[in-house]
Amino acid sequence: MITSLFFALIGILFTLYVYNRVKKNLFSEKESFFWMIGAFFLFVLSIFPKTIDVISRVLGIAYPPSLLFLIAFIFILFLLFRQSQQISIMNDRFKELVQKNAVLEQKVRYYLDEQQREKQ
């Protein structure tokens, strides 16, 4: 009973923490959605711990706690994949910005050189 209350409290506190980070614009809404799902899942499993037993029996998993590790592993892999996608997109945007900046610097130098030639 105490363990269930502890994990329910952890789920609620984690949900509030993620909400607070989003509210302060320290975390994106898209990414917070998946963390909220994880916190909700933790909360539901803490209230109904036999759910893991039922699901593991349906899936044919002999040791129910291993289902928790499987779910956590898949969840972390999914989040890692999303982060890799975001890094790839950011790298492409960064490269494009650097190229645009180089072109603009070249135009400014050309303009300044033209201005100096006109003064002479």
Protein backbone atom coordinates (compact mmCIF):
# COMPACT_ATOMS: atom_id res chain seq x y z
CA MET A 1 0.00 0.00 0.00
CA ILE A 2 2.77 2.44 0.95
CA THR A 3 4.66 1.54 -2.23
CA SER A 4 1.59 2.24 -4.36
CA LEU A 5 1.11 5.62 -2.70
CA PHE A 6 4.80 6.42 -3.14
CA PHE A 7 4.76 5.69 -6.87
CA ALA A 8 1.43 7.48 -7.32
CA LEU A 9 2.97 10.53 -5.66
CA ILE A 10 6.05 10.23 -7.89
CA GLY A 11 3.78 10.11 -10.97
CA ILE A 12 1.86 13.20 -9.87
CA LEU A 13 5.01 15.13 -8.94
CA PHE A 14 6.64 14.24 -12.24
CA THR A 15 3.56 15.39 -14.15
CA LEU A 16 3.60 18.69 -12.26
CA TYR A 17 7.34 19.09 -12.87
CA VAL A 18 6.95 18.59 -16.65
CA TYR A 19 3.96 20.96 -16.71
CA ASN A 20 6.00 23.59 -14.84
CA ARG A 21 8.91 23.25 -17.30
CA VAL A 22 6.54 23.71 -20.26
CA LYS A 23 4.86 26.68 -18.61
CA LYS A 24 8.26 28.39 -18.18
CA ASN A 25 9.17 27.61 -21.83
CA LEU A 26 12.04 25.36 -20.76
CA PHE A 27 10.57 22.31 -22.45
CA SER A 28 8.65 21.95 -25.72
CA GLU A 29 5.02 20.91 -25.74
CA LYS A 30 5.69 18.15 -28.26
CA GLU A 31 8.32 16.46 -26.12
CA SER A 32 6.40 16.99 -22.88
CA PHE A 33 3.50 15.00 -24.29
CA PHE A 34 5.54 11.78 -24.22
CA TRP A 35 6.83 12.45 -20.70
CA MET A 36 3.26 13.10 -19.55
CA ILE A 37 2.22 9.76 -21.02
CA GLY A 38 5.05 8.09 -19.10
CA ALA A 39 4.06 9.81 -15.86
CA PHE A 40 0.40 8.88 -16.40
CA PHE A 41 1.42 5.27 -17.07
CA LEU A 42 3.43 5.25 -13.83
CA PHE A 43 0.47 6.71 -11.94
CA VAL A 44 -2.01 4.16 -13.32
CA LEU A 45 0.31 1.24 -12.61
CA SER A 46 0.86 2.44 -9.05
CA ILE A 47 -2.90 2.55 -8.43
CA PHE A 48 -3.61 -0.74 -10.23
CA PRO A 49 -0.46 -2.87 -9.80
CA LYS A 50 -2.20 -6.08 -10.94
CA THR A 51 -2.49 -4.56 -14.42
CA ILE A 52 1.09 -5.64 -15.16
CA ASP A 53 0.24 -9.22 -14.16
CA VAL A 54 -2.78 -9.30 -16.48
CA ILE A 55 -0.95 -7.75 -19.43
CA SER A 56 2.06 -10.04 -18.98
CA ARG A 57 -0.22 -13.10 -18.85
CA VAL A 58 -1.97 -11.97 -22.06
CA LEU A 59 1.39 -11.44 -23.80
CA GLY A 60 2.78 -14.72 -22.49
CA ILE A 61 5.53 -13.16 -20.36
CA ALA A 62 6.33 -15.45 -17.45
CA TYR A 63 7.88 -12.86 -15.13
CA PRO A 64 5.65 -9.74 -14.92
CA PRO A 65 8.34 -7.27 -13.76
CA SER A 66 10.24 -7.99 -16.97
CA LEU A 67 7.29 -6.45 -18.83
CA LEU A 68 8.00 -3.19 -16.97
CA PHE A 69 11.60 -3.28 -18.15
CA LEU A 70 10.47 -4.02 -21.70
CA ILE A 71 8.04 -1.10 -21.67
CA ALA A 72 10.66 1.22 -20.16
CA PHE A 73 13.24 0.06 -22.72
CA ILE A 74 10.88 0.68 -25.65
CA PHE A 75 9.86 4.07 -24.21
CA ILE A 76 13.50 5.14 -23.81
CA LEU A 77 14.39 3.92 -27.31
CA PHE A 78 11.47 5.89 -28.73
CA LEU A 79 12.56 9.06 -26.91
CA LEU A 80 16.16 8.53 -28.02
CA PHE A 81 15.02 8.16 -31.62
CA ARG A 82 12.99 11.39 -31.36
CA GLN A 83 15.98 13.22 -29.91
CA SER A 84 18.19 11.93 -32.74
CA GLN A 85 15.64 13.24 -35.24
CA GLN A 86 15.61 16.64 -33.56
CA ILE A 87 19.42 16.81 -33.56
CA SER A 88 19.51 15.93 -37.25
CA ILE A 89 16.96 18.62 -38.08
CA MET A 90 18.85 21.19 -35.99
CA ASN A 91 22.13 20.32 -37.71
CA ASP A 92 20.54 20.85 -41.12
CA ARG A 93 19.09 24.19 -40.02
CA PHE A 94 22.43 25.23 -38.54
CA LYS A 95 24.27 24.40 -41.76
CA GLU A 96 21.72 26.38 -43.76
CA LEU A 97 22.06 29.38 -41.43
CA VAL A 98 25.86 29.30 -41.65
CA GLN A 99 25.65 29.27 -45.44
CA LYS A 100 23.18 32.16 -45.51
CA ASN A 101 25.37 34.09 -43.07
CA ALA A 102 28.42 33.57 -45.30
CA VAL A 103 26.53 34.87 -48.33
CA LEU A 104 25.33 37.92 -46.40
CA GLU A 105 28.83 38.65 -45.11
CA GLN A 106 30.14 38.48 -48.65
CA LYS A 107 27.45 40.91 -49.84
CA VAL A 108 28.23 43.33 -47.00
CA ARG A 109 31.96 43.22 -47.76
CA TYR A 110 31.26 43.84 -51.44
CA TYR A 111 28.99 46.77 -50.56
CA LEU A 112 31.59 48.26 -48.19
CA ASP A 113 34.31 47.86 -50.81
CA GLU A 114 32.08 49.67 -53.32
CA GLN A 115 31.51 52.47 -50.83
CA GLN A 116 35.24 52.89 -50.25
CA ARG A 117 35.96 52.95 -54.00
CA GLU A 118 33.34 55.66 -54.50
CA LYS A 119 34.97 57.81 -51.81
CA GLN A 120 38.35 57.61 -53.52
